[in-house]
Amino acid sequence: GAAPPQELPTLILEAVKELELAKQQVLKRIQIWKRQQQLAGNGALFEENLAPLQKRCENLVEVYFQLHQQVMAASVELGAELLPRLLERFNEVLSSLVKR
């Protein structure tokens, strides 16, 4: 069933934390990938390596949008305090992913 309203902010905050952690992992992987590519000096080896990374980024963005929708839907429960802070964190996640 649906979570009681007072649990919703907690659940959403948890989800945002998860999202931020996942983002960090992906960015770390991208960093490693770039370094490997520089060391190798030829991209051929890394073509196959990039596909899963690409997939993870896409999945992350998908989760991001679903979560974003939930936050907007729950904006009343979340209140004027929490909502802007959450949206700020969302934008942070998205922009750092898109930049890479």
PDB file of N, CA and C in Angstrom:
ATOM      1  N   GLY A   1       0.821  -1.219   0.000  1.00  0.00           N
ATOM      2  CA  GLY A   1       0.000   0.000   0.000  1.00  0.00           C
ATOM      3  C   GLY A   1       0.839   1.245   0.000  1.00  0.00           C
ATOM      4  N   ALA A   2       0.187   2.385   0.057  1.00  0.00           N
ATOM      5  CA  ALA A   2       0.892   3.661   0.059  1.00  0.00           C
ATOM      6  C   ALA A   2       1.481   3.922   1.446  1.00  0.00           C
ATOM      7  N   ALA A   3       2.575   4.635   1.453  1.00  0.00           N
ATOM      8  CA  ALA A   3       3.205   4.989   2.721  1.00  0.00           C
ATOM      9  C   ALA A   3       2.404   6.094   3.390  1.00  0.00           C
ATOM     10  N   PRO A   4       2.326   6.055   4.721  1.00  0.00           N
ATOM     11  CA  PRO A   4       1.703   7.178   5.431  1.00  0.00           C
ATOM     12  C   PRO A   4       2.423   8.479   5.069  1.00  0.00           C
ATOM     13  N   PRO A   5       1.683   9.576   4.966  1.00  0.00           N
ATOM     14  CA  PRO A   5       2.271  10.842   4.525  1.00  0.00           C
ATOM     15  C   PRO A   5       3.548  11.234   5.259  1.00  0.00           C
ATOM     16  N   GLN A   6       3.591  11.034   6.566  1.00  0.00           N
ATOM     17  CA  GLN A   6       4.768  11.484   7.308  1.00  0.00           C
ATOM     18  C   GLN A   6       6.013  10.675   6.944  1.00  0.00           C
ATOM     19  N   GLU A   7       5.821   9.475   6.374  1.00  0.00           N
ATOM     20  CA  GLU A   7       6.981   8.671   5.991  1.00  0.00           C
ATOM     21  C   GLU A   7       7.526   9.078   4.636  1.00  0.00           C
ATOM     22  N   LEU A   8       6.713   9.781   3.876  1.00  0.00           N
ATOM     23  CA  LEU A   8       7.088  10.092   2.506  1.00  0.00           C
ATOM     24  C   LEU A   8       8.370  10.910   2.403  1.00  0.00           C
ATOM     25  N   PRO A   9       8.490  12.002   3.163  1.00  0.00           N
ATOM     26  CA  PRO A   9       9.738  12.769   3.091  1.00  0.00           C
ATOM     27  C   PRO A   9      10.958  11.896   3.377  1.00  0.00           C
ATOM     28  N   THR A  10      10.832  11.022   4.374  1.00  0.00           N
ATOM     29  CA  THR A  10      11.940  10.143   4.730  1.00  0.00           C
ATOM     30  C   THR A  10      12.297   9.230   3.566  1.00  0.00           C
ATOM     31  N   LEU A  11      11.283   8.616   2.964  1.00  0.00           N
ATOM     32  CA  LEU A  11      11.509   7.716   1.833  1.00  0.00           C
ATOM     33  C   LEU A  11      12.169   8.449   0.682  1.00  0.00           C
ATOM     34  N   ILE A  12      11.678   9.648   0.406  1.00  0.00           N
ATOM     35  CA  ILE A  12      12.214  10.405  -0.717  1.00  0.00           C
ATOM     36  C   ILE A  12      13.660  10.827  -0.438  1.00  0.00           C
ATOM     37  N   LEU A  13      13.918  11.239   0.794  1.00  0.00           N
ATOM     38  CA  LEU A  13      15.294  11.598   1.154  1.00  0.00           C
ATOM     39  C   LEU A  13      16.233  10.408   0.996  1.00  0.00           C
ATOM     40  N   GLU A  14      15.780   9.233   1.415  1.00  0.00           N
ATOM     41  CA  GLU A  14      16.553   8.007   1.244  1.00  0.00           C
ATOM     42  C   GLU A  14      16.861   7.780  -0.234  1.00  0.00           C
ATOM     43  N   ALA A  15      15.816   7.920  -1.046  1.00  0.00           N
ATOM     44  CA  ALA A  15      15.962   7.685  -2.482  1.00  0.00           C
ATOM     45  C   ALA A  15      16.949   8.679  -3.100  1.00  0.00           C
ATOM     46  N   VAL A  16      16.865   9.920  -2.660  1.00  0.00           N
ATOM     47  CA  VAL A  16      17.786  10.931  -3.177  1.00  0.00           C
ATOM     48  C   VAL A  16      19.223  10.582  -2.798  1.00  0.00           C
ATOM     49  N   LYS A  17      19.400  10.119  -1.577  1.00  0.00           N
ATOM     50  CA  LYS A  17      20.735   9.710  -1.121  1.00  0.00           C
ATOM     51  C   LYS A  17      21.270   8.581  -1.994  1.00  0.00           C
ATOM     52  N   GLU A  18      20.409   7.596  -2.258  1.00  0.00           N
ATOM     53  CA  GLU A  18      20.782   6.481  -3.126  1.00  0.00           C
ATOM     54  C   GLU A  18      21.211   6.984  -4.495  1.00  0.00           C
ATOM     55  N   LEU A  19      20.417   7.914  -5.021  1.00  0.00           N
ATOM     56  CA  LEU A  19      20.677   8.479  -6.337  1.00  0.00           C
ATOM     57  C   LEU A  19      22.039   9.168  -6.355  1.00  0.00           C
ATOM     58  N   GLU A  20      22.323   9.911  -5.315  1.00  0.00           N
ATOM     59  CA  GLU A  20      23.599  10.626  -5.241  1.00  0.00           C
ATOM     60  C   GLU A  20      24.777   9.654  -5.152  1.00  0.00           C
ATOM     61  N   LEU A  21      24.582   8.569  -4.404  1.00  0.00           N
ATOM     62  CA  LEU A  21      25.615   7.548  -4.310  1.00  0.00           C
ATOM     63  C   LEU A  21      25.861   6.898  -5.665  1.00  0.00           C
ATOM     64  N   ALA A  22      24.776   6.544  -6.336  1.00  0.00           N
ATOM     65  CA  ALA A  22      24.879   5.923  -7.655  1.00  0.00           C
ATOM     66  C   ALA A  22      25.588   6.856  -8.625  1.00  0.00           C
ATOM     67  N   LYS A  23      25.247   8.135  -8.540  1.00  0.00           N
ATOM     68  CA  LYS A  23      25.886   9.135  -9.394  1.00  0.00           C
ATOM     69  C   LYS A  23      27.392   9.140  -9.153  1.00  0.00           C
ATOM     70  N   GLN A  24      27.777   9.133  -7.875  1.00  0.00           N
ATOM     71  CA  GLN A  24      29.194   9.154  -7.528  1.00  0.00           C
ATOM     72  C   GLN A  24      29.924   7.956  -8.142  1.00  0.00           C
ATOM     73  N   GLN A  25      29.295   6.785  -8.057  1.00  0.00           N
ATOM     74  CA  GLN A  25      29.887   5.571  -8.632  1.00  0.00           C
ATOM     75  C   GLN A  25      30.108   5.741 -10.114  1.00  0.00           C
ATOM     76  N   VAL A  26      29.080   6.229 -10.788  1.00  0.00           N
ATOM     77  CA  VAL A  26      29.160   6.375 -12.240  1.00  0.00           C
ATOM     78  C   VAL A  26      30.251   7.372 -12.615  1.00  0.00           C
ATOM     79  N   LEU A  27      30.306   8.478 -11.905  1.00  0.00           N
ATOM     80  CA  LEU A  27      31.335   9.480 -12.199  1.00  0.00           C
ATOM     81  C   LEU A  27      32.737   8.916 -11.961  1.00  0.00           C
ATOM     82  N   LYS A  28      32.849   8.099 -10.929  1.00  0.00           N
ATOM     83  CA  LYS A  28      34.128   7.464 -10.628  1.00  0.00           C
ATOM     84  C   LYS A  28      34.530   6.545 -11.776  1.00  0.00           C
ATOM     85  N   ARG A  29      33.561   5.761 -12.248  1.00  0.00           N
ATOM     86  CA  ARG A  29      33.807   4.842 -13.364  1.00  0.00           C
ATOM     87  C   ARG A  29      34.242   5.617 -14.606  1.00  0.00           C
ATOM     88  N   ILE A  30      33.583   6.748 -14.840  1.00  0.00           N
ATOM     89  CA  ILE A  30      33.919   7.557 -16.017  1.00  0.00           C
ATOM     90  C   ILE A  30      35.356   8.072 -15.901  1.00  0.00           C
ATOM     91  N   GLN A  31      35.708   8.497 -14.702  1.00  0.00           N
ATOM     92  CA  GLN A  31      37.064   8.985 -14.449  1.00  0.00           C
ATOM     93  C   GLN A  31      38.086   7.893 -14.771  1.00  0.00           C
ATOM     94  N   ILE A  32      37.835   6.706 -14.247  1.00  0.00           N
ATOM     95  CA  ILE A  32      38.722   5.566 -14.468  1.00  0.00           C
ATOM     96  C   ILE A  32      38.816   5.269 -15.958  1.00  0.00           C
ATOM     97  N   TRP A  33      37.670   5.269 -16.605  1.00  0.00           N
ATOM     98  CA  TRP A  33      37.616   4.978 -18.035  1.00  0.00           C
ATOM     99  C   TRP A  33      38.459   5.973 -18.816  1.00  0.00           C
ATOM    100  N   LYS A  34      38.323   7.253 -18.486  1.00  0.00           N
ATOM    101  CA  LYS A  34      39.094   8.287 -19.181  1.00  0.00           C
ATOM    102  C   LYS A  34      40.583   8.076 -18.986  1.00  0.00           C
ATOM    103  N   ARG A  35      40.971   7.732 -17.761  1.00  0.00           N
ATOM    104  CA  ARG A  35      42.380   7.520 -17.461  1.00  0.00           C
ATOM    105  C   ARG A  35      42.918   6.334 -18.251  1.00  0.00           C
ATOM    106  N   GLN A  36      42.155   5.261 -18.277  1.00  0.00           N
ATOM    107  CA  GLN A  36      42.566   4.072 -19.027  1.00  0.00           C
ATOM    108  C   GLN A  36      42.739   4.411 -20.498  1.00  0.00           C
ATOM    109  N   GLN A  37      41.812   5.219 -20.996  1.00  0.00           N
ATOM    110  CA  GLN A  37      41.855   5.576 -22.401  1.00  0.00           C
ATOM    111  C   GLN A  37      43.106   6.392 -22.702  1.00  0.00           C
ATOM    112  N   GLN A  38      43.424   7.305 -21.808  1.00  0.00           N
ATOM    113  CA  GLN A  38      44.633   8.114 -21.989  1.00  0.00           C
ATOM    114  C   GLN A  38      45.872   7.227 -21.974  1.00  0.00           C
ATOM    115  N   LEU A  39      45.913   6.292 -21.047  1.00  0.00           N
ATOM    116  CA  LEU A  39      47.053   5.395 -20.934  1.00  0.00           C
ATOM    117  C   LEU A  39      47.198   4.530 -22.173  1.00  0.00           C
ATOM    118  N   ALA A  40      46.081   4.047 -22.653  1.00  0.00           N
ATOM    119  CA  ALA A  40      46.121   3.152 -23.809  1.00  0.00           C
ATOM    120  C   ALA A  40      46.487   3.926 -25.074  1.00  0.00           C
ATOM    121  N   GLY A  41      46.011   5.150 -25.160  1.00  0.00           N
ATOM    122  CA  GLY A  41      46.312   5.956 -26.333  1.00  0.00           C
ATOM    123  C   GLY A  41      45.547   5.518 -27.570  1.00  0.00           C
ATOM    124  N   ASN A  42      44.799   4.413 -27.472  1.00  0.00           N
ATOM    125  CA  ASN A  42      43.896   4.085 -28.583  1.00  0.00           C
ATOM    126  C   ASN A  42      42.565   3.609 -28.044  1.00  0.00           C
ATOM    127  N   GLY A  43      41.475   4.127 -28.611  1.00  0.00           N
ATOM    128  CA  GLY A  43      40.144   3.910 -28.066  1.00  0.00           C
ATOM    129  C   GLY A  43      39.563   2.536 -28.334  1.00  0.00           C
ATOM    130  N   ALA A  44      40.177   1.779 -29.240  1.00  0.00           N
ATOM    131  CA  ALA A  44      39.590   0.514 -29.691  1.00  0.00           C
ATOM    132  C   ALA A  44      39.251  -0.420 -28.528  1.00  0.00           C
ATOM    133  N   LEU A  45      40.173  -0.535 -27.589  1.00  0.00           N
ATOM    134  CA  LEU A  45      39.976  -1.439 -26.463  1.00  0.00           C
ATOM    135  C   LEU A  45      38.762  -1.082 -25.613  1.00  0.00           C
ATOM    136  N   PHE A  46      38.399   0.187 -25.618  1.00  0.00           N
ATOM    137  CA  PHE A  46      37.434   0.653 -24.635  1.00  0.00           C
ATOM    138  C   PHE A  46      36.020   0.813 -25.179  1.00  0.00           C
ATOM    139  N   GLU A  47      35.847   0.558 -26.468  1.00  0.00           N
ATOM    140  CA  GLU A  47      34.505   0.700 -27.046  1.00  0.00           C
ATOM    141  C   GLU A  47      33.478  -0.114 -26.265  1.00  0.00           C
ATOM    142  N   GLU A  48      33.783  -1.386 -26.035  1.00  0.00           N
ATOM    143  CA  GLU A  48      32.835  -2.285 -25.376  1.00  0.00           C
ATOM    144  C   GLU A  48      32.631  -1.889 -23.918  1.00  0.00           C
ATOM    145  N   ASN A  49      33.661  -1.272 -23.374  1.00  0.00           N
ATOM    146  CA  ASN A  49      33.654  -0.901 -21.965  1.00  0.00           C
ATOM    147  C   ASN A  49      32.680   0.233 -21.678  1.00  0.00           C
ATOM    148  N   LEU A  50      32.419   1.034 -22.686  1.00  0.00           N
ATOM    149  CA  LEU A  50      31.637   2.237 -22.474  1.00  0.00           C
ATOM    150  C   LEU A  50      30.138   1.952 -22.475  1.00  0.00           C
ATOM    151  N   ALA A  51      29.733   0.890 -23.141  1.00  0.00           N
ATOM    152  CA  ALA A  51      28.302   0.581 -23.255  1.00  0.00           C
ATOM    153  C   ALA A  51      27.618   0.421 -21.894  1.00  0.00           C
ATOM    154  N   PRO A  52      28.170  -0.403 -20.992  1.00  0.00           N
ATOM    155  CA  PRO A  52      27.506  -0.551 -19.683  1.00  0.00           C
ATOM    156  C   PRO A  52      27.453   0.767 -18.927  1.00  0.00           C
ATOM    157  N   LEU A  53      28.510   1.561 -19.081  1.00  0.00           N
ATOM    158  CA  LEU A  53      28.585   2.845 -18.408  1.00  0.00           C
ATOM    159  C   LEU A  53      27.493   3.774 -18.929  1.00  0.00           C
ATOM    160  N   GLN A  54      27.351   3.770 -20.235  1.00  0.00           N
ATOM    161  CA  GLN A  54      26.304   4.548 -20.887  1.00  0.00           C
ATOM    162  C   GLN A  54      24.935   4.127 -20.352  1.00  0.00           C
ATOM    163  N   LYS A  55      24.762   2.812 -20.263  1.00  0.00           N
ATOM    164  CA  LYS A  55      23.506   2.247 -19.785  1.00  0.00           C
ATOM    165  C   LYS A  55      23.226   2.717 -18.361  1.00  0.00           C
ATOM    166  N   ARG A  56      24.253   2.673 -17.522  1.00  0.00           N
ATOM    167  CA  ARG A  56      24.079   3.077 -16.128  1.00  0.00           C
ATOM    168  C   ARG A  56      23.685   4.537 -16.025  1.00  0.00           C
ATOM    169  N   CYS A  57      24.292   5.358 -16.863  1.00  0.00           N
ATOM    170  CA  CYS A  57      23.942   6.777 -16.875  1.00  0.00           C
ATOM    171  C   CYS A  57      22.479   6.959 -17.264  1.00  0.00           C
ATOM    172  N   GLU A  58      22.065   6.230 -18.292  1.00  0.00           N
ATOM    173  CA  GLU A  58      20.681   6.328 -18.755  1.00  0.00           C
ATOM    174  C   GLU A  58      19.715   5.860 -17.674  1.00  0.00           C
ATOM    175  N   ASN A  59      20.048   4.756 -17.024  1.00  0.00           N
ATOM    176  CA  ASN A  59      19.205   4.247 -15.943  1.00  0.00           C
ATOM    177  C   ASN A  59      19.101   5.257 -14.817  1.00  0.00           C
ATOM    178  N   LEU A  60      20.231   5.866 -14.511  1.00  0.00           N
ATOM    179  CA  LEU A  60      20.293   6.843 -13.439  1.00  0.00           C
ATOM    180  C   LEU A  60      19.395   8.030 -13.755  1.00  0.00           C
ATOM    181  N   VAL A  61      19.460   8.484 -15.000  1.00  0.00           N
ATOM    182  CA  VAL A  61      18.645   9.627 -15.415  1.00  0.00           C
ATOM    183  C   VAL A  61      17.161   9.256 -15.360  1.00  0.00           C
ATOM    184  N   GLU A  62      16.863   8.009 -15.724  1.00  0.00           N
ATOM    185  CA  GLU A  62      15.483   7.530 -15.680  1.00  0.00           C
ATOM    186  C   GLU A  62      14.952   7.545 -14.245  1.00  0.00           C
ATOM    187  N   VAL A  63      15.741   6.974 -13.341  1.00  0.00           N
ATOM    188  CA  VAL A  63      15.385   6.963 -11.922  1.00  0.00           C
ATOM    189  C   VAL A  63      15.213   8.386 -11.429  1.00  0.00           C
ATOM    190  N   TYR A  64      16.136   9.230 -11.855  1.00  0.00           N
ATOM    191  CA  TYR A  64      16.099  10.641 -11.476  1.00  0.00           C
ATOM    192  C   TYR A  64      14.753  11.262 -11.825  1.00  0.00           C
ATOM    193  N   PHE A  65      14.298  11.026 -13.063  1.00  0.00           N
ATOM    194  CA  PHE A  65      13.047  11.653 -13.477  1.00  0.00           C
ATOM    195  C   PHE A  65      11.828  11.093 -12.742  1.00  0.00           C
ATOM    196  N   GLN A  66      11.840   9.802 -12.486  1.00  0.00           N
ATOM    197  CA  GLN A  66      10.745   9.194 -11.728  1.00  0.00           C
ATOM    198  C   GLN A  66      10.682   9.785 -10.322  1.00  0.00           C
ATOM    199  N   LEU A  67      11.858   9.902  -9.721  1.00  0.00           N
ATOM    200  CA  LEU A  67      11.952  10.431  -8.374  1.00  0.00           C
ATOM    201  C   LEU A  67      11.517  11.889  -8.351  1.00  0.00           C
ATOM    202  N   HIS A  68      11.944  12.601  -9.358  1.00  0.00           N
ATOM    203  CA  HIS A  68      11.606  14.023  -9.470  1.00  0.00           C
ATOM    204  C   HIS A  68      10.086  14.186  -9.527  1.00  0.00           C
ATOM    205  N   GLN A  69       9.437  13.327 -10.307  1.00  0.00           N
ATOM    206  CA  GLN A  69       7.973  13.370 -10.418  1.00  0.00           C
ATOM    207  C   GLN A  69       7.323  13.120  -9.067  1.00  0.00           C
ATOM    208  N   GLN A  70       7.867  12.152  -8.338  1.00  0.00           N
ATOM    209  CA  GLN A  70       7.315  11.826  -7.020  1.00  0.00           C
ATOM    210  C   GLN A  70       7.471  13.000  -6.068  1.00  0.00           C
ATOM    211  N   VAL A  71       8.621  13.646  -6.142  1.00  0.00           N
ATOM    212  CA  VAL A  71       8.855  14.799  -5.276  1.00  0.00           C
ATOM    213  C   VAL A  71       7.849  15.903  -5.589  1.00  0.00           C
ATOM    214  N   MET A  72       7.635  16.152  -6.888  1.00  0.00           N
ATOM    215  CA  MET A  72       6.683  17.186  -7.271  1.00  0.00           C
ATOM    216  C   MET A  72       5.270  16.809  -6.823  1.00  0.00           C
ATOM    217  N   ALA A  73       4.927  15.534  -6.978  1.00  0.00           N
ATOM    218  CA  ALA A  73       3.608  15.056  -6.582  1.00  0.00           C
ATOM    219  C   ALA A  73       3.411  15.190  -5.076  1.00  0.00           C
ATOM    220  N   ALA A  74       4.499  15.053  -4.342  1.00  0.00           N
ATOM    221  CA  ALA A  74       4.421  15.067  -2.881  1.00  0.00           C
ATOM    222  C   ALA A  74       4.812  16.429  -2.313  1.00  0.00           C
ATOM    223  N   SER A  75       4.860  17.436  -3.177  1.00  0.00           N
ATOM    224  CA  SER A  75       5.389  18.734  -2.750  1.00  0.00           C
ATOM    225  C   SER A  75       4.653  19.300  -1.539  1.00  0.00           C
ATOM    226  N   VAL A  76       3.341  19.015  -1.455  1.00  0.00           N
ATOM    227  CA  VAL A  76       2.558  19.511  -0.317  1.00  0.00           C
ATOM    228  C   VAL A  76       3.033  18.851   0.979  1.00  0.00           C
ATOM    229  N   GLU A  77       3.186  17.517   0.954  1.00  0.00           N
ATOM    230  CA  GLU A  77       3.646  16.808   2.139  1.00  0.00           C
ATOM    231  C   GLU A  77       5.071  17.208   2.507  1.00  0.00           C
ATOM    232  N   LEU A  78       5.881  17.424   1.494  1.00  0.00           N
ATOM    233  CA  LEU A  78       7.289  17.740   1.751  1.00  0.00           C
ATOM    234  C   LEU A  78       7.441  19.123   2.354  1.00  0.00           C
ATOM    235  N   GLY A  79       6.562  20.014   1.948  1.00  0.00           N
ATOM    236  CA  GLY A  79       6.558  21.343   2.544  1.00  0.00           C
ATOM    237  C   GLY A  79       7.551  22.292   1.893  1.00  0.00           C
ATOM    238  N   ALA A  80       7.412  23.559   2.212  1.00  0.00           N
ATOM    239  CA  ALA A  80       8.191  24.620   1.586  1.00  0.00           C
ATOM    240  C   ALA A  80       9.652  24.609   2.023  1.00  0.00           C
ATOM    241  N   GLU A  81       9.909  23.940   3.147  1.00  0.00           N
ATOM    242  CA  GLU A  81      11.283  23.838   3.629  1.00  0.00           C
ATOM    243  C   GLU A  81      12.099  22.890   2.765  1.00  0.00           C
ATOM    244  N   LEU A  82      11.568  21.672   2.661  1.00  0.00           N
ATOM    245  CA  LEU A  82      12.320  20.560   2.092  1.00  0.00           C
ATOM    246  C   LEU A  82      12.355  20.594   0.571  1.00  0.00           C
ATOM    247  N   LEU A  83      11.261  21.006  -0.025  1.00  0.00           N
ATOM    248  CA  LEU A  83      11.136  20.925  -1.487  1.00  0.00           C
ATOM    249  C   LEU A  83      12.270  21.623  -2.231  1.00  0.00           C
ATOM    250  N   PRO A  84      12.547  22.899  -1.950  1.00  0.00           N
ATOM    251  CA  PRO A  84      13.627  23.568  -2.687  1.00  0.00           C
ATOM    252  C   PRO A  84      14.980  22.888  -2.515  1.00  0.00           C
ATOM    253  N   ARG A  85      15.240  22.405  -1.297  1.00  0.00           N
ATOM    254  CA  ARG A  85      16.509  21.722  -1.031  1.00  0.00           C
ATOM    255  C   ARG A  85      16.633  20.453  -1.862  1.00  0.00           C
ATOM    256  N   LEU A  86      15.535  19.707  -1.933  1.00  0.00           N
ATOM    257  CA  LEU A  86      15.547  18.477  -2.724  1.00  0.00           C
ATOM    258  C   LEU A  86      15.756  18.777  -4.196  1.00  0.00           C
ATOM    259  N   LEU A  87      15.041  19.777  -4.688  1.00  0.00           N
ATOM    260  CA  LEU A  87      15.146  20.121  -6.106  1.00  0.00           C
ATOM    261  C   LEU A  87      16.565  20.576  -6.445  1.00  0.00           C
ATOM    262  N   GLU A  88      17.185  21.264  -5.515  1.00  0.00           N
ATOM    263  CA  GLU A  88      18.567  21.697  -5.701  1.00  0.00           C
ATOM    264  C   GLU A  88      19.478  20.485  -5.845  1.00  0.00           C
ATOM    265  N   ARG A  89      19.265  19.504  -4.980  1.00  0.00           N
ATOM    266  CA  ARG A  89      20.080  18.283  -5.041  1.00  0.00           C
ATOM    267  C   ARG A  89      19.837  17.528  -6.343  1.00  0.00           C
ATOM    268  N   PHE A  90      18.597  17.530  -6.791  1.00  0.00           N
ATOM    269  CA  PHE A  90      18.277  16.888  -8.074  1.00  0.00           C
ATOM    270  C   PHE A  90      19.052  17.539  -9.216  1.00  0.00           C
ATOM    271  N   ASN A  91      19.009  18.865  -9.253  1.00  0.00           N
ATOM    272  CA  ASN A  91      19.680  19.583 -10.334  1.00  0.00           C
ATOM    273  C   ASN A  91      21.175  19.312 -10.320  1.00  0.00           C
ATOM    274  N   GLU A  92      21.715  19.228  -9.117  1.00  0.00           N
ATOM    275  CA  GLU A  92      23.127  18.904  -8.929  1.00  0.00           C
ATOM    276  C   GLU A  92      23.452  17.561  -9.581  1.00  0.00           C
ATOM    277  N   VAL A  93      22.657  16.551  -9.273  1.00  0.00           N
ATOM    278  CA  VAL A  93      22.865  15.210  -9.817  1.00  0.00           C
ATOM    279  C   VAL A  93      22.802  15.237 -11.332  1.00  0.00           C
ATOM    280  N   LEU A  94      21.750  15.856 -11.850  1.00  0.00           N
ATOM    281  CA  LEU A  94      21.541  15.830 -13.288  1.00  0.00           C
ATOM    282  C   LEU A  94      22.656  16.569 -14.026  1.00  0.00           C
ATOM    283  N   SER A  95      22.989  17.762 -13.553  1.00  0.00           N
ATOM    284  CA  SER A  95      23.981  18.549 -14.274  1.00  0.00           C
ATOM    285  C   SER A  95      25.352  17.876 -14.259  1.00  0.00           C
ATOM    286  N   SER A  96      25.707  17.254 -13.140  1.00  0.00           N
ATOM    287  CA  SER A  96      27.016  16.601 -13.097  1.00  0.00           C
ATOM    288  C   SER A  96      27.063  15.366 -13.996  1.00  0.00           C
ATOM    289  N   LEU A  97      25.920  14.715 -14.173  1.00  0.00           N
ATOM    290  CA  LEU A  97      25.855  13.578 -15.105  1.00  0.00           C
ATOM    291  C   LEU A  97      25.929  14.039 -16.554  1.00  0.00           C
ATOM    292  N   VAL A  98      25.150  15.074 -16.845  1.00  0.00           N
ATOM    293  CA  VAL A  98      25.059  15.548 -18.220  1.00  0.00           C
ATOM    294  C   VAL A  98      26.398  16.112 -18.694  1.00  0.00           C
ATOM    295  N   LYS A  99      27.090  16.794 -17.796  1.00  0.00           N
ATOM    296  CA  LYS A  99      28.405  17.357 -18.153  1.00  0.00           C
ATOM    297  C   LYS A  99      29.368  16.288 -18.622  1.00  0.00           C
ATOM    298  N   ARG A 100      29.231  15.087 -18.100  1.00  0.00           N
ATOM    299  CA  ARG A 100      30.151  14.022 -18.467  1.00  0.00           C
ATOM    300  C   ARG A 100      29.631  13.238 -19.654  1.00  0.00           C
TER     301      ARG A 100
END
